[in-house]
Amino acid sequence: MRPIIEFCASNIGHGTEQLKNKLEQNPEYDVVEYGCLNNCGQCYLQPFVMLDGEIIEAESPAELEAALEAAIKEAEAWDNLEID
């Protein structure tokens, strides 16, 4: 299943735009940007994305990318267990 990665346009100030642009180049991902993800407190504090409806957060865009990659790998591992 292709991961759905959602970005908040209001969170771009934390440096997430470059990560969004990078992820959009990967045909394995569905990347969506919304004007608001209704996580205003989160949006104000630090970079974050939503992966399949779950919040992934970090202190920097680089850490966010690493956390997102780890979460995607974990989700893929669970998907593979369900298939077997």
N, C-alpha and C. Protein backbone atom coordinates (compact mmCIF):
# COMPACT_ATOMS: atom_id res chain seq x y z
N MET A 1 0.83 -1.18 0.00
CA MET A 1 0.00 0.00 0.00
C MET A 1 0.89 1.25 0.00
N ARG A 2 0.55 2.20 -0.83
CA ARG A 2 1.34 3.43 -0.92
C ARG A 2 1.06 4.32 0.27
N PRO A 3 2.12 4.79 0.93
CA PRO A 3 1.91 5.69 2.07
C PRO A 3 1.35 7.03 1.60
N ILE A 4 0.46 7.59 2.40
CA ILE A 4 -0.08 8.92 2.16
C ILE A 4 0.61 9.86 3.14
N ILE A 5 1.35 10.82 2.60
CA ILE A 5 2.11 11.76 3.41
C ILE A 5 1.48 13.14 3.23
N GLU A 6 0.97 13.69 4.33
CA GLU A 6 0.27 14.96 4.27
C GLU A 6 1.10 16.07 4.92
N PHE A 7 1.20 17.18 4.22
CA PHE A 7 1.92 18.35 4.71
C PHE A 7 0.93 19.48 4.96
N CYS A 8 1.23 20.29 5.95
CA CYS A 8 0.45 21.48 6.26
C CYS A 8 1.17 22.69 5.66
N ALA A 9 0.50 23.46 4.83
CA ALA A 9 1.11 24.63 4.21
C ALA A 9 1.57 25.63 5.27
N SER A 10 0.89 25.69 6.37
CA SER A 10 1.26 26.62 7.44
C SER A 10 2.53 26.18 8.16
N ASN A 11 2.94 24.93 7.99
CA ASN A 11 4.14 24.42 8.65
C ASN A 11 5.39 24.59 7.79
N ILE A 12 5.23 25.13 6.60
CA ILE A 12 6.34 25.31 5.67
C ILE A 12 7.44 26.18 6.30
N GLY A 13 7.06 27.10 7.18
CA GLY A 13 8.02 27.96 7.84
C GLY A 13 9.05 27.20 8.66
N HIS A 14 8.76 25.96 8.97
CA HIS A 14 9.71 25.12 9.72
C HIS A 14 10.64 24.37 8.78
N GLY A 15 10.56 24.65 7.49
CA GLY A 15 11.48 24.05 6.54
C GLY A 15 11.01 22.75 5.91
N THR A 16 9.73 22.48 5.94
CA THR A 16 9.22 21.21 5.41
C THR A 16 9.01 21.23 3.90
N GLU A 17 9.06 22.40 3.27
CA GLU A 17 8.79 22.47 1.84
C GLU A 17 9.81 21.69 1.02
N GLN A 18 11.08 21.78 1.38
CA GLN A 18 12.11 21.04 0.64
C GLN A 18 11.89 19.53 0.76
N LEU A 19 11.51 19.07 1.95
CA LEU A 19 11.22 17.65 2.13
C LEU A 19 10.00 17.25 1.29
N LYS A 20 8.98 18.08 1.30
CA LYS A 20 7.77 17.79 0.50
C LYS A 20 8.14 17.66 -0.97
N ASN A 21 8.92 18.60 -1.47
CA ASN A 21 9.32 18.57 -2.88
C ASN A 21 10.11 17.31 -3.20
N LYS A 22 10.98 16.90 -2.32
CA LYS A 22 11.77 15.69 -2.51
C LYS A 22 10.88 14.46 -2.56
N LEU A 23 9.95 14.36 -1.60
CA LEU A 23 9.07 13.19 -1.53
C LEU A 23 8.12 13.11 -2.72
N GLU A 24 7.74 14.26 -3.27
CA GLU A 24 6.85 14.27 -4.43
C GLU A 24 7.49 13.62 -5.65
N GLN A 25 8.81 13.55 -5.68
CA GLN A 25 9.53 12.94 -6.79
C GLN A 25 9.51 11.41 -6.73
N ASN A 26 9.11 10.87 -5.58
CA ASN A 26 9.10 9.42 -5.39
C ASN A 26 7.72 8.87 -5.78
N PRO A 27 7.65 8.07 -6.83
CA PRO A 27 6.36 7.53 -7.28
C PRO A 27 5.74 6.52 -6.31
N GLU A 28 6.50 6.11 -5.29
CA GLU A 28 6.00 5.16 -4.30
C GLU A 28 5.11 5.84 -3.25
N TYR A 29 5.12 7.18 -3.21
CA TYR A 29 4.40 7.92 -2.17
C TYR A 29 3.28 8.77 -2.77
N ASP A 30 2.22 8.93 -2.02
CA ASP A 30 1.18 9.91 -2.32
C ASP A 30 1.43 11.08 -1.39
N VAL A 31 1.85 12.21 -1.93
CA VAL A 31 2.17 13.40 -1.15
C VAL A 31 1.10 14.46 -1.41
N VAL A 32 0.53 14.98 -0.32
CA VAL A 32 -0.54 15.95 -0.42
C VAL A 32 -0.22 17.13 0.50
N GLU A 33 -0.51 18.33 0.03
CA GLU A 33 -0.36 19.51 0.88
C GLU A 33 -1.73 20.14 1.09
N TYR A 34 -2.03 20.44 2.33
CA TYR A 34 -3.28 21.09 2.69
C TYR A 34 -2.97 22.45 3.31
N GLY A 35 -3.91 23.35 3.23
CA GLY A 35 -3.75 24.65 3.87
C GLY A 35 -3.68 24.51 5.37
N CYS A 36 -4.36 23.50 5.91
CA CYS A 36 -4.38 23.27 7.35
C CYS A 36 -4.70 21.80 7.62
N LEU A 37 -4.00 21.23 8.59
CA LEU A 37 -4.28 19.85 9.00
C LEU A 37 -4.92 19.81 10.39
N ASN A 38 -5.37 20.97 10.86
CA ASN A 38 -6.05 21.07 12.16
C ASN A 38 -5.19 20.60 13.33
N ASN A 39 -3.90 20.87 13.24
CA ASN A 39 -2.95 20.59 14.32
C ASN A 39 -2.17 21.86 14.61
N CYS A 40 -2.89 22.93 14.89
CA CYS A 40 -2.27 24.26 15.00
C CYS A 40 -1.19 24.31 16.07
N GLY A 41 -1.42 23.70 17.21
CA GLY A 41 -0.40 23.69 18.25
C GLY A 41 0.86 23.01 17.77
N GLN A 42 0.71 21.88 17.10
CA GLN A 42 1.84 21.13 16.55
C GLN A 42 2.52 21.94 15.46
N CYS A 43 1.75 22.53 14.62
CA CYS A 43 2.26 23.30 13.48
C CYS A 43 3.13 24.46 13.94
N TYR A 44 2.76 25.07 15.03
CA TYR A 44 3.48 26.22 15.56
C TYR A 44 4.82 25.82 16.18
N LEU A 45 4.89 24.62 16.74
CA LEU A 45 6.05 24.21 17.52
C LEU A 45 7.22 23.65 16.72
N GLN A 46 6.95 22.78 15.76
CA GLN A 46 8.04 22.09 15.09
C GLN A 46 7.58 21.48 13.77
N PRO A 47 8.53 21.04 12.95
CA PRO A 47 8.18 20.38 11.70
C PRO A 47 7.41 19.09 11.96
N PHE A 48 6.37 18.88 11.15
CA PHE A 48 5.63 17.62 11.26
C PHE A 48 4.97 17.29 9.93
N VAL A 49 4.61 16.03 9.76
CA VAL A 49 3.80 15.55 8.65
C VAL A 49 2.82 14.55 9.24
N MET A 50 1.85 14.19 8.44
CA MET A 50 0.97 13.09 8.82
C MET A 50 1.22 11.96 7.84
N LEU A 51 1.48 10.79 8.38
CA LEU A 51 1.69 9.59 7.58
C LEU A 51 0.51 8.67 7.82
N ASP A 52 -0.29 8.50 6.80
CA ASP A 52 -1.49 7.66 6.91
C ASP A 52 -2.32 8.04 8.13
N GLY A 53 -2.42 9.35 8.39
CA GLY A 53 -3.26 9.86 9.47
C GLY A 53 -2.57 9.98 10.82
N GLU A 54 -1.32 9.53 10.93
CA GLU A 54 -0.58 9.59 12.19
C GLU A 54 0.47 10.71 12.11
N ILE A 55 0.59 11.47 13.19
CA ILE A 55 1.54 12.57 13.22
C ILE A 55 2.96 12.04 13.41
N ILE A 56 3.87 12.53 12.56
CA ILE A 56 5.30 12.29 12.69
C ILE A 56 5.91 13.66 12.91
N GLU A 57 6.69 13.82 13.98
CA GLU A 57 7.25 15.13 14.32
C GLU A 57 8.73 15.00 14.61
N ALA A 58 9.44 16.12 14.51
CA ALA A 58 10.87 16.14 14.80
C ALA A 58 11.31 17.57 15.07
N GLU A 59 12.54 17.71 15.50
CA GLU A 59 13.09 19.03 15.83
C GLU A 59 13.57 19.79 14.61
N SER A 60 13.88 19.07 13.52
CA SER A 60 14.38 19.72 12.31
C SER A 60 13.84 18.97 11.09
N PRO A 61 13.88 19.61 9.92
CA PRO A 61 13.45 18.91 8.72
C PRO A 61 14.26 17.64 8.44
N ALA A 62 15.57 17.67 8.70
CA ALA A 62 16.40 16.47 8.49
C ALA A 62 15.98 15.34 9.42
N GLU A 63 15.72 15.67 10.68
CA GLU A 63 15.25 14.66 11.63
C GLU A 63 13.85 14.17 11.26
N LEU A 64 13.04 15.06 10.71
CA LEU A 64 11.70 14.68 10.27
C LEU A 64 11.79 13.68 9.13
N GLU A 65 12.69 13.92 8.20
CA GLU A 65 12.86 12.99 7.08
C GLU A 65 13.27 11.61 7.59
N ALA A 66 14.21 11.57 8.52
CA ALA A 66 14.66 10.29 9.08
C ALA A 66 13.52 9.58 9.82
N ALA A 67 12.76 10.33 10.61
CA ALA A 67 11.64 9.75 11.35
C ALA A 67 10.57 9.23 10.40
N LEU A 68 10.32 9.98 9.34
CA LEU A 68 9.32 9.57 8.35
C LEU A 68 9.76 8.29 7.64
N GLU A 69 11.02 8.24 7.23
CA GLU A 69 11.54 7.03 6.58
C GLU A 69 11.43 5.82 7.50
N ALA A 70 11.75 6.00 8.76
CA ALA A 70 11.65 4.90 9.72
C ALA A 70 10.20 4.44 9.88
N ALA A 71 9.28 5.39 9.95
CA ALA A 71 7.87 5.06 10.11
C ALA A 71 7.33 4.34 8.87
N ILE A 72 7.77 4.75 7.69
CA ILE A 72 7.35 4.08 6.45
C ILE A 72 7.87 2.65 6.42
N LYS A 73 9.13 2.46 6.79
CA LYS A 73 9.70 1.10 6.82
C LYS A 73 8.96 0.22 7.82
N GLU A 74 8.62 0.78 8.97
CA GLU A 74 7.87 0.02 9.98
C GLU A 74 6.50 -0.38 9.45
N ALA A 75 5.83 0.55 8.80
CA ALA A 75 4.50 0.26 8.24
C ALA A 75 4.60 -0.81 7.15
N GLU A 76 5.64 -0.73 6.33
CA GLU A 76 5.84 -1.74 5.29
C GLU A 76 6.09 -3.12 5.91
N ALA A 77 6.84 -3.16 6.99
CA ALA A 77 7.10 -4.44 7.66
C ALA A 77 5.81 -5.04 8.19
N TRP A 78 4.94 -4.20 8.76
CA TRP A 78 3.65 -4.69 9.24
C TRP A 78 2.79 -5.19 8.09
N ASP A 79 2.81 -4.46 6.98
CA ASP A 79 2.05 -4.89 5.81
C ASP A 79 2.52 -6.24 5.30
N ASN A 80 3.84 -6.45 5.32
CA ASN A 80 4.40 -7.73 4.86
C ASN A 80 4.02 -8.86 5.79
N LEU A 81 3.94 -8.61 7.08
CA LEU A 81 3.51 -9.64 8.04
C LEU A 81 2.08 -10.06 7.80
N GLU A 82 1.23 -9.09 7.48
CA GLU A 82 -0.18 -9.37 7.24
C GLU A 82 -0.38 -10.20 5.98
N ILE A 83 0.48 -10.03 5.00
CA ILE A 83 0.36 -10.76 3.74
C ILE A 83 0.78 -12.21 3.93
N ASP A 84 1.83 -12.42 4.70
CA ASP A 84 2.36 -13.78 4.91
C ASP A 84 1.44 -14.58 5.70
